Amino acid sequence: MSIIEITALDDPRLSDFSHHTDVYLRNSTGGTGLYIAESLLVLERALAAGHEPRSVLALGTSASDAVALIGDPSIPVFTGPGELLADLTGYALHRGVIAAMHRPVQPSIETVLTDARRIVVLENVVDPTNVGAIFRSAAGLGADAVLITPRCADPLYRRSVRVSMGTVLQVPWTRLTGDWTEARRALLASGFHIAALALEPGAVSLRAFAARAPERVALVLGAEAEGLTPGAVAAADTIVQIPMAHGIDSLNVAATAAVAMYAIA
């Protein structure tokens, strides 16, 4: 594979990196779309997950590292001055490498839940940073899978992937397509007890729930400000909350996810 030195930005093969939003990339091809893998570590994890790169943009010696990592002479690896690459992308390549990756086909809920024992369900968590942080905790604390609702931020948005340190490429996940009635039916069919983290009357403490946690648990977490919708609360088998001190009522959703996953691991 040859490294392609760029001195101008008119090469059409650079269009994947040209100031595009995550939404544009998701819908930019006739197939499943693209996402951006940022850093050699994330690229390595993407390749390990079986994802295929379309092109790579690299700074300095990172270009040679990317060539060695990919090992496919048909994948172009572009390099050039940092200022030029920043003009192309709209941001500095602090991590040395970004790769345009083909999105994998979304697996079915049944496939994701097979053999899973501890999962996380994210309802309408729209901040990509929180989504990425939750995936990192899910990977580190032993969650087997993540389900997300239609309004949840895409785990393959660049910021989500970066914050997760590429763990969104390691933890199985898929997007729910129906309402909570359908989601509850699918979870119950796979033997899951649905535990919703919410500030509701009659909620049990996380410590008490963890002490007798069922074999299969789906932890449901909601958006930062709004919390869980009534539909999510109604679909739960148990409402759980983390007891708080100093007059604080709740934690950031990513912190809540980490605490809850650790408690029931």
C-alpha atoms as a PDB file:
ATOM      1  CA  MET A   1       0.000   0.000   0.000  1.00  0.00           C
ATOM      2  CA  SER A   2       1.347   3.419  -0.919  1.00  0.00           C
ATOM      3  CA  ILE A   3       0.905   6.438   1.310  1.00  0.00           C
ATOM      4  CA  ILE A   4      -0.675   9.261  -0.649  1.00  0.00           C
ATOM      5  CA  GLU A   5       0.752  12.701   0.047  1.00  0.00           C
ATOM      6  CA  ILE A   6      -1.834  15.437  -0.392  1.00  0.00           C
ATOM      7  CA  THR A   7      -1.043  19.061  -1.108  1.00  0.00           C
ATOM      8  CA  ALA A   8      -4.534  20.165  -2.145  1.00  0.00           C
ATOM      9  CA  LEU A   9      -8.034  19.181  -1.100  1.00  0.00           C
ATOM     10  CA  ASP A  10      -9.647  18.568  -4.487  1.00  0.00           C
ATOM     11  CA  ASP A  11      -9.148  14.778  -4.521  1.00  0.00           C
ATOM     12  CA  PRO A  12     -12.716  13.333  -4.470  1.00  0.00           C
ATOM     13  CA  ARG A  13     -11.470  10.449  -2.306  1.00  0.00           C
ATOM     14  CA  LEU A  14     -11.044  12.961   0.533  1.00  0.00           C
ATOM     15  CA  SER A  15     -14.745  13.764   0.600  1.00  0.00           C
ATOM     16  CA  ASP A  16     -15.417  11.343   3.478  1.00  0.00           C
ATOM     17  CA  PHE A  17     -13.444  13.660   5.760  1.00  0.00           C
ATOM     18  CA  SER A  18     -14.657  17.035   4.509  1.00  0.00           C
ATOM     19  CA  HIS A  19     -16.518  18.815   7.347  1.00  0.00           C
ATOM     20  CA  HIS A  20     -19.295  16.224   7.270  1.00  0.00           C
ATOM     21  CA  THR A  21     -21.654  15.606  10.146  1.00  0.00           C
ATOM     22  CA  ASP A  22     -22.159  12.162  11.644  1.00  0.00           C
ATOM     23  CA  VAL A  23     -25.687  12.138  10.236  1.00  0.00           C
ATOM     24  CA  TYR A  24     -24.382  12.814   6.725  1.00  0.00           C
ATOM     25  CA  LEU A  25     -21.823  10.005   6.985  1.00  0.00           C
ATOM     26  CA  ARG A  26     -24.439   7.593   8.290  1.00  0.00           C
ATOM     27  CA  ASN A  27     -26.457   8.172   5.120  1.00  0.00           C
ATOM     28  CA  SER A  28     -23.615   8.848   2.687  1.00  0.00           C
ATOM     29  CA  THR A  29     -23.435   5.540   0.799  1.00  0.00           C
ATOM     30  CA  GLY A  30     -25.885   3.222  -0.839  1.00  0.00           C
ATOM     31  CA  GLY A  31     -25.118   0.605   1.805  1.00  0.00           C
ATOM     32  CA  THR A  32     -25.090   0.967   5.573  1.00  0.00           C
ATOM     33  CA  GLY A  33     -23.216   4.268   5.602  1.00  0.00           C
ATOM     34  CA  LEU A  34     -19.966   5.289   7.260  1.00  0.00           C
ATOM     35  CA  TYR A  35     -18.595   6.258  10.642  1.00  0.00           C
ATOM     36  CA  ILE A  36     -15.291   7.801  11.749  1.00  0.00           C
ATOM     37  CA  ALA A  37     -12.762   5.827  13.787  1.00  0.00           C
ATOM     38  CA  GLU A  38     -10.391   8.262  15.485  1.00  0.00           C
ATOM     39  CA  SER A  39      -6.933   7.088  16.700  1.00  0.00           C
ATOM     40  CA  LEU A  40      -4.922   3.967  15.992  1.00  0.00           C
ATOM     41  CA  LEU A  41      -6.408   2.247  19.041  1.00  0.00           C
ATOM     42  CA  VAL A  42      -9.972   2.760  17.820  1.00  0.00           C
ATOM     43  CA  LEU A  43      -9.001   1.717  14.295  1.00  0.00           C
ATOM     44  CA  GLU A  44      -7.432  -1.443  15.696  1.00  0.00           C
ATOM     45  CA  ARG A  45     -10.603  -2.252  17.642  1.00  0.00           C
ATOM     46  CA  ALA A  46     -12.749  -1.562  14.581  1.00  0.00           C
ATOM     47  CA  LEU A  47     -10.670  -3.946  12.485  1.00  0.00           C
ATOM     48  CA  ALA A  48     -10.778  -6.564  15.246  1.00  0.00           C
ATOM     49  CA  ALA A  49     -14.583  -6.299  15.195  1.00  0.00           C
ATOM     50  CA  GLY A  50     -14.545  -7.085  11.478  1.00  0.00           C
ATOM     51  CA  HIS A  51     -15.371  -3.561  10.283  1.00  0.00           C
ATOM     52  CA  GLU A  52     -13.931  -2.505   6.927  1.00  0.00           C
ATOM     53  CA  PRO A  53     -12.164   0.826   6.289  1.00  0.00           C
ATOM     54  CA  ARG A  54     -12.840   2.814   3.141  1.00  0.00           C
ATOM     55  CA  SER A  55     -10.024   5.342   3.515  1.00  0.00           C
ATOM     56  CA  VAL A  56      -7.672   6.746   6.141  1.00  0.00           C
ATOM     57  CA  LEU A  57      -6.327  10.200   6.939  1.00  0.00           C
ATOM     58  CA  ALA A  58      -3.114  10.245   8.974  1.00  0.00           C
ATOM     59  CA  LEU A  59      -0.613  12.715  10.341  1.00  0.00           C
ATOM     60  CA  GLY A  60       3.165  12.175  10.197  1.00  0.00           C
ATOM     61  CA  THR A  61       4.453   8.757  11.243  1.00  0.00           C
ATOM     62  CA  SER A  62       0.900   7.637  12.027  1.00  0.00           C
ATOM     63  CA  ALA A  63       0.465   7.014   8.283  1.00  0.00           C
ATOM     64  CA  SER A  64       3.003   4.163   8.352  1.00  0.00           C
ATOM     65  CA  ASP A  65       1.403   2.783  11.501  1.00  0.00           C
ATOM     66  CA  ALA A  66      -2.005   2.799   9.799  1.00  0.00           C
ATOM     67  CA  VAL A  67      -0.603   1.025   6.734  1.00  0.00           C
ATOM     68  CA  ALA A  68       0.893  -1.708   8.922  1.00  0.00           C
ATOM     69  CA  LEU A  69      -2.315  -2.066  10.923  1.00  0.00           C
ATOM     70  CA  ILE A  70      -4.658  -2.325   7.937  1.00  0.00           C
ATOM     71  CA  GLY A  71      -2.473  -4.503   5.743  1.00  0.00           C
ATOM     72  CA  ASP A  72      -4.689  -4.028   2.692  1.00  0.00           C
ATOM     73  CA  PRO A  73      -3.082  -2.294  -0.319  1.00  0.00           C
ATOM     74  CA  SER A  74      -6.482  -1.325  -1.724  1.00  0.00           C
ATOM     75  CA  ILE A  75      -7.246   1.056   1.183  1.00  0.00           C
ATOM     76  CA  PRO A  76      -5.857   4.555   0.504  1.00  0.00           C
ATOM     77  CA  VAL A  77      -3.958   6.202   3.374  1.00  0.00           C
ATOM     78  CA  PHE A  78      -3.693   9.956   2.915  1.00  0.00           C
ATOM     79  CA  THR A  79      -1.250  12.187   4.742  1.00  0.00           C
ATOM     80  CA  GLY A  80      -0.253  15.823   4.639  1.00  0.00           C
ATOM     81  CA  PRO A  81       0.545  18.909   6.736  1.00  0.00           C
ATOM     82  CA  GLY A  82      -1.491  19.226   9.906  1.00  0.00           C
ATOM     83  CA  GLU A  83      -2.889  22.610   8.903  1.00  0.00           C
ATOM     84  CA  LEU A  84      -4.127  21.243   5.587  1.00  0.00           C
ATOM     85  CA  LEU A  85      -5.754  18.241   7.217  1.00  0.00           C
ATOM     86  CA  ALA A  86      -7.439  20.509   9.765  1.00  0.00           C
ATOM     87  CA  ASP A  87      -8.807  22.632   6.900  1.00  0.00           C
ATOM     88  CA  LEU A  88     -10.227  19.463   5.369  1.00  0.00           C
ATOM     89  CA  THR A  89     -11.856  18.011   8.483  1.00  0.00           C
ATOM     90  CA  GLY A  90     -12.642  21.108  10.531  1.00  0.00           C
ATOM     91  CA  TYR A  91     -10.633  19.877  13.533  1.00  0.00           C
ATOM     92  CA  ALA A  92      -7.031  19.038  14.431  1.00  0.00           C
ATOM     93  CA  LEU A  93      -5.989  15.392  14.238  1.00  0.00           C
ATOM     94  CA  HIS A  94      -4.737  15.232  17.822  1.00  0.00           C
ATOM     95  CA  ARG A  95      -4.804  11.441  17.783  1.00  0.00           C
ATOM     96  CA  GLY A  96      -2.934  11.177  14.498  1.00  0.00           C
ATOM     97  CA  VAL A  97      -5.414   9.064  12.535  1.00  0.00           C
ATOM     98  CA  ILE A  98      -9.031   9.105  11.429  1.00  0.00           C
ATOM     99  CA  ALA A  99     -10.511   6.367   9.273  1.00  0.00           C
ATOM    100  CA  ALA A 100     -13.766   6.312   7.326  1.00  0.00           C
ATOM    101  CA  MET A 101     -15.263   2.928   8.195  1.00  0.00           C
ATOM    102  CA  HIS A 102     -18.160   1.077   6.593  1.00  0.00           C
ATOM    103  CA  ARG A 103     -20.939   0.652   9.141  1.00  0.00           C
ATOM    104  CA  PRO A 104     -21.776  -2.949   9.981  1.00  0.00           C
ATOM    105  CA  VAL A 105     -25.282  -4.290   9.490  1.00  0.00           C
ATOM    106  CA  GLN A 106     -27.331  -3.798  12.664  1.00  0.00           C
ATOM    107  CA  PRO A 107     -27.935  -7.138  14.418  1.00  0.00           C
ATOM    108  CA  SER A 108     -31.368  -8.233  15.606  1.00  0.00           C
ATOM    109  CA  ILE A 109     -32.418  -7.847  19.235  1.00  0.00           C
ATOM    110  CA  GLU A 110     -32.574 -11.622  19.558  1.00  0.00           C
ATOM    111  CA  THR A 111     -28.980 -11.967  18.348  1.00  0.00           C
ATOM    112  CA  VAL A 112     -27.728  -9.339  20.799  1.00  0.00           C
ATOM    113  CA  LEU A 113     -29.566 -10.909  23.746  1.00  0.00           C
ATOM    114  CA  THR A 114     -28.431 -14.469  23.083  1.00  0.00           C
ATOM    115  CA  ASP A 115     -26.260 -15.647  26.005  1.00  0.00           C
ATOM    116  CA  ALA A 116     -26.396 -12.169  27.622  1.00  0.00           C
ATOM    117  CA  ARG A 117     -26.935 -11.927  31.398  1.00  0.00           C
ATOM    118  CA  ARG A 118     -26.399  -8.250  32.197  1.00  0.00           C
ATOM    119  CA  ILE A 119     -27.463  -5.596  29.681  1.00  0.00           C
ATOM    120  CA  VAL A 120     -28.052  -1.849  29.581  1.00  0.00           C
ATOM    121  CA  VAL A 121     -30.992  -0.165  27.858  1.00  0.00           C
ATOM    122  CA  LEU A 122     -30.587   3.540  27.045  1.00  0.00           C
ATOM    123  CA  GLU A 123     -33.762   5.532  26.526  1.00  0.00           C
ATOM    124  CA  ASN A 124     -33.376   8.844  24.672  1.00  0.00           C
ATOM    125  CA  VAL A 125     -29.824   9.541  25.884  1.00  0.00           C
ATOM    126  CA  VAL A 126     -29.072  12.161  23.255  1.00  0.00           C
ATOM    127  CA  ASP A 127     -25.600  13.295  24.373  1.00  0.00           C
ATOM    128  CA  PRO A 128     -22.968  11.303  22.419  1.00  0.00           C
ATOM    129  CA  THR A 129     -20.461  11.877  25.226  1.00  0.00           C
ATOM    130  CA  ASN A 130     -22.725  10.153  27.740  1.00  0.00           C
ATOM    131  CA  VAL A 131     -23.404   7.306  25.315  1.00  0.00           C
ATOM    132  CA  GLY A 132     -19.679   6.765  24.782  1.00  0.00           C
ATOM    133  CA  ALA A 133     -18.947   6.886  28.509  1.00  0.00           C
ATOM    134  CA  ILE A 134     -21.693   4.358  29.232  1.00  0.00           C
ATOM    135  CA  PHE A 135     -20.290   1.962  26.628  1.00  0.00           C
ATOM    136  CA  ARG A 136     -16.847   2.251  28.188  1.00  0.00           C
ATOM    137  CA  SER A 137     -18.301   1.373  31.593  1.00  0.00           C
ATOM    138  CA  ALA A 138     -20.342  -1.429  30.039  1.00  0.00           C
ATOM    139  CA  ALA A 139     -17.216  -2.954  28.553  1.00  0.00           C
ATOM    140  CA  GLY A 140     -15.091  -2.503  31.654  1.00  0.00           C
ATOM    141  CA  LEU A 141     -17.695  -3.673  34.167  1.00  0.00           C
ATOM    142  CA  GLY A 142     -18.902  -6.703  32.273  1.00  0.00           C
ATOM    143  CA  ALA A 143     -22.210  -5.783  30.648  1.00  0.00           C
ATOM    144  CA  ASP A 144     -22.929  -8.196  27.820  1.00  0.00           C
ATOM    145  CA  ALA A 145     -24.902  -5.892  25.512  1.00  0.00           C
ATOM    146  CA  VAL A 146     -26.536  -2.488  25.103  1.00  0.00           C
ATOM    147  CA  LEU A 147     -29.917  -1.654  23.592  1.00  0.00           C
ATOM    148  CA  ILE A 148     -30.802   1.905  22.578  1.00  0.00           C
ATOM    149  CA  THR A 149     -34.144   3.527  21.760  1.00  0.00           C
ATOM    150  CA  PRO A 150     -34.832   5.294  18.444  1.00  0.00           C
ATOM    151  CA  ARG A 151     -34.148   8.773  19.881  1.00  0.00           C
ATOM    152  CA  CYS A 152     -30.866   7.784  21.535  1.00  0.00           C
ATOM    153  CA  ALA A 153     -27.625   9.215  20.124  1.00  0.00           C
ATOM    154  CA  ASP A 154     -25.859   6.889  17.707  1.00  0.00           C
ATOM    155  CA  PRO A 155     -23.033   4.952  19.418  1.00  0.00           C
ATOM    156  CA  LEU A 156     -21.046   5.259  16.167  1.00  0.00           C
ATOM    157  CA  TYR A 157     -21.003   9.063  16.195  1.00  0.00           C
ATOM    158  CA  ARG A 158     -17.387  10.217  16.238  1.00  0.00           C
ATOM    159  CA  ARG A 159     -17.594  11.647  19.760  1.00  0.00           C
ATOM    160  CA  SER A 160     -19.273   8.516  21.135  1.00  0.00           C
ATOM    161  CA  VAL A 161     -16.642   6.266  19.605  1.00  0.00           C
ATOM    162  CA  ARG A 162     -13.818   8.498  20.869  1.00  0.00           C
ATOM    163  CA  VAL A 163     -15.132   8.832  24.436  1.00  0.00           C
ATOM    164  CA  SER A 164     -15.769   5.095  24.602  1.00  0.00           C
ATOM    165  CA  MET A 165     -12.147   4.421  23.571  1.00  0.00           C
ATOM    166  CA  GLY A 166     -13.554   2.222  20.818  1.00  0.00           C
ATOM    167  CA  THR A 167     -15.519  -0.029  23.176  1.00  0.00           C
ATOM    168  CA  VAL A 168     -18.710   0.680  21.195  1.00  0.00           C
ATOM    169  CA  LEU A 169     -17.026  -1.598  18.659  1.00  0.00           C
ATOM    170  CA  GLN A 170     -16.591  -4.372  21.228  1.00  0.00           C
ATOM    171  CA  VAL A 171     -19.866  -4.471  23.176  1.00  0.00           C
ATOM    172  CA  PRO A 172     -22.773  -5.941  21.159  1.00  0.00           C
ATOM    173  CA  TRP A 173     -25.579  -3.412  20.662  1.00  0.00           C
ATOM    174  CA  THR A 174     -28.584  -2.677  18.549  1.00  0.00           C
ATOM    175  CA  ARG A 175     -31.422  -0.192  18.319  1.00  0.00           C
ATOM    176  CA  LEU A 176     -34.962  -0.918  19.483  1.00  0.00           C
ATOM    177  CA  THR A 177     -37.540  -0.125  16.821  1.00  0.00           C
ATOM    178  CA  GLY A 178     -40.885  -0.382  18.587  1.00  0.00           C
ATOM    179  CA  ASP A 179     -42.517   1.013  21.708  1.00  0.00           C
ATOM    180  CA  TRP A 180     -42.017  -0.164  25.276  1.00  0.00           C
ATOM    181  CA  THR A 181     -44.698  -2.811  24.956  1.00  0.00           C
ATOM    182  CA  GLU A 182     -42.674  -4.433  22.188  1.00  0.00           C
ATOM    183  CA  ALA A 183     -39.371  -3.914  24.015  1.00  0.00           C
ATOM    184  CA  ARG A 184     -40.735  -5.471  27.204  1.00  0.00           C
ATOM    185  CA  ARG A 185     -42.043  -8.442  25.240  1.00  0.00           C
ATOM    186  CA  ALA A 186     -38.621  -9.038  23.674  1.00  0.00           C
ATOM    187  CA  LEU A 187     -36.784  -8.724  26.993  1.00  0.00           C
ATOM    188  CA  LEU A 188     -39.195 -11.000  28.829  1.00  0.00           C
ATOM    189  CA  ALA A 189     -38.986 -13.567  26.033  1.00  0.00           C
ATOM    190  CA  SER A 190     -35.227 -13.721  26.649  1.00  0.00           C
ATOM    191  CA  GLY A 191     -35.726 -14.091  30.388  1.00  0.00           C
ATOM    192  CA  PHE A 192     -34.733 -10.600  31.507  1.00  0.00           C
ATOM    193  CA  HIS A 193     -35.892  -8.825  34.644  1.00  0.00           C
ATOM    194  CA  ILE A 194     -36.286  -5.137  33.762  1.00  0.00           C
ATOM    195  CA  ALA A 195     -34.844  -2.771  36.380  1.00  0.00           C
ATOM    196  CA  ALA A 196     -35.448   0.923  35.691  1.00  0.00           C
ATOM    197  CA  LEU A 197     -33.244   3.535  37.382  1.00  0.00           C
ATOM    198  CA  ALA A 198     -35.731   6.279  38.305  1.00  0.00           C
ATOM    199  CA  LEU A 199     -36.719   8.644  41.097  1.00  0.00           C
ATOM    200  CA  GLU A 200     -40.116   7.139  41.756  1.00  0.00           C
ATOM    201  CA  PRO A 201     -42.091   6.511  44.950  1.00  0.00           C
ATOM    202  CA  GLY A 202     -41.575   2.983  46.197  1.00  0.00           C
ATOM    203  CA  ALA A 203     -38.255   2.491  44.408  1.00  0.00           C
ATOM    204  CA  VAL A 204     -35.903   0.001  46.054  1.00  0.00           C
ATOM    205  CA  SER A 205     -32.285   0.862  46.767  1.00  0.00           C
ATOM    206  CA  LEU A 206     -29.651  -0.387  44.363  1.00  0.00           C
ATOM    207  CA  ARG A 207     -27.875  -2.212  47.183  1.00  0.00           C
ATOM    208  CA  ALA A 208     -31.059  -4.115  48.100  1.00  0.00           C
ATOM    209  CA  PHE A 209     -31.763  -4.993  44.480  1.00  0.00           C
ATOM    210  CA  ALA A 210     -28.178  -6.134  43.844  1.00  0.00           C
ATOM    211  CA  ALA A 211     -28.260  -8.398  46.897  1.00  0.00           C
ATOM    212  CA  ARG A 212     -30.918 -10.555  45.241  1.00  0.00           C
ATOM    213  CA  ALA A 213     -30.471  -9.668  41.587  1.00  0.00           C
ATOM    214  CA  PRO A 214     -32.116 -12.093  39.131  1.00  0.00           C
ATOM    215  CA  GLU A 215     -29.996 -14.156  36.773  1.00  0.00           C
ATOM    216  CA  ARG A 216     -30.730 -11.864  33.824  1.00  0.00           C
ATOM    217  CA  VAL A 217     -31.084  -8.130  34.377  1.00  0.00           C
ATOM    218  CA  ALA A 218     -31.766  -5.270  31.953  1.00  0.00           C
ATOM    219  CA  LEU A 219     -30.825  -1.916  33.513  1.00  0.00           C
ATOM    220  CA  VAL A 220     -32.843   0.909  31.943  1.00  0.00           C
ATOM    221  CA  LEU A 221     -31.472   4.459  32.080  1.00  0.00           C
ATOM    222  CA  GLY A 222     -32.980   7.671  30.760  1.00  0.00           C
ATOM    223  CA  ALA A 223     -31.955  11.062  29.473  1.00  0.00           C
ATOM    224  CA  GLU A 224     -29.967  13.457  31.645  1.00  0.00           C
ATOM    225  CA  ALA A 225     -32.704  16.007  32.354  1.00  0.00           C
ATOM    226  CA  GLU A 226     -35.996  14.250  31.622  1.00  0.00           C
ATOM    227  CA  GLY A 227     -35.225  10.852  33.098  1.00  0.00           C
ATOM    228  CA  LEU A 228     -37.238   7.846  31.986  1.00  0.00           C
ATOM    229  CA  THR A 229     -40.538   8.218  30.178  1.00  0.00           C
ATOM    230  CA  PRO A 230     -43.748   6.903  31.793  1.00  0.00           C
ATOM    231  CA  GLY A 231     -43.721   4.073  29.265  1.00  0.00           C
ATOM    232  CA  ALA A 232     -40.273   2.928  30.384  1.00  0.00           C
ATOM    233  CA  VAL A 233     -41.244   3.099  34.050  1.00  0.00           C
ATOM    234  CA  ALA A 234     -44.445   1.156  33.396  1.00  0.00           C
ATOM    235  CA  ALA A 235     -42.505  -1.538  31.494  1.00  0.00           C
ATOM    236  CA  ALA A 236     -40.155  -2.175  34.427  1.00  0.00           C
ATOM    237  CA  ASP A 237     -40.415  -5.108  36.829  1.00  0.00           C
ATOM    238  CA  THR A 238     -38.564  -3.154  39.524  1.00  0.00           C
ATOM    239  CA  ILE A 239     -37.844   0.554  40.003  1.00  0.00           C
ATOM    240  CA  VAL A 240     -34.370   1.089  41.449  1.00  0.00           C
ATOM    241  CA  GLN A 241     -32.635   4.189  42.767  1.00  0.00           C
ATOM    242  CA  ILE A 242     -29.211   5.003  44.165  1.00  0.00           C
ATOM    243  CA  PRO A 243     -29.525   6.554  47.639  1.00  0.00           C
ATOM    244  CA  MET A 244     -27.956  10.026  47.597  1.00  0.00           C
ATOM    245  CA  ALA A 245     -26.472  12.378  50.210  1.00  0.00           C
ATOM    246  CA  HIS A 246     -26.085  16.132  50.731  1.00  0.00           C
ATOM    247  CA  GLY A 247     -29.430  16.947  49.148  1.00  0.00           C
ATOM    248  CA  ILE A 248     -28.385  15.670  45.713  1.00  0.00           C
ATOM    249  CA  ASP A 249     -31.155  13.777  43.951  1.00  0.00           C
ATOM    250  CA  SER A 250     -29.273  11.995  41.177  1.00  0.00           C
ATOM    251  CA  LEU A 251     -26.005  11.399  39.336  1.00  0.00           C
ATOM    252  CA  ASN A 252     -25.020  12.031  35.751  1.00  0.00           C
ATOM    253  CA  VAL A 253     -26.465   9.212  33.627  1.00  0.00           C
ATOM    254  CA  ALA A 254     -23.013   7.869  32.730  1.00  0.00           C
ATOM    255  CA  ALA A 255     -22.023   7.779  36.425  1.00  0.00           C
ATOM    256  CA  THR A 256     -25.345   6.139  37.300  1.00  0.00           C
ATOM    257  CA  ALA A 257     -24.751   3.462  34.680  1.00  0.00           C
ATOM    258  CA  ALA A 258     -21.278   2.717  36.042  1.00  0.00           C
ATOM    259  CA  VAL A 259     -22.464   2.488  39.657  1.00  0.00           C
ATOM    260  CA  ALA A 260     -25.429   0.282  38.754  1.00  0.00           C
ATOM    261  CA  MET A 261     -23.411  -2.056  36.540  1.00  0.00           C
ATOM    262  CA  TYR A 262     -20.742  -2.437  39.182  1.00  0.00           C
ATOM    263  CA  ALA A 263     -23.346  -3.224  41.834  1.00  0.00           C
ATOM    264  CA  ILE A 264     -24.920  -6.086  39.865  1.00  0.00           C
ATOM    265  CA  ALA A 265     -21.797  -7.365  38.074  1.00  0.00           C
END
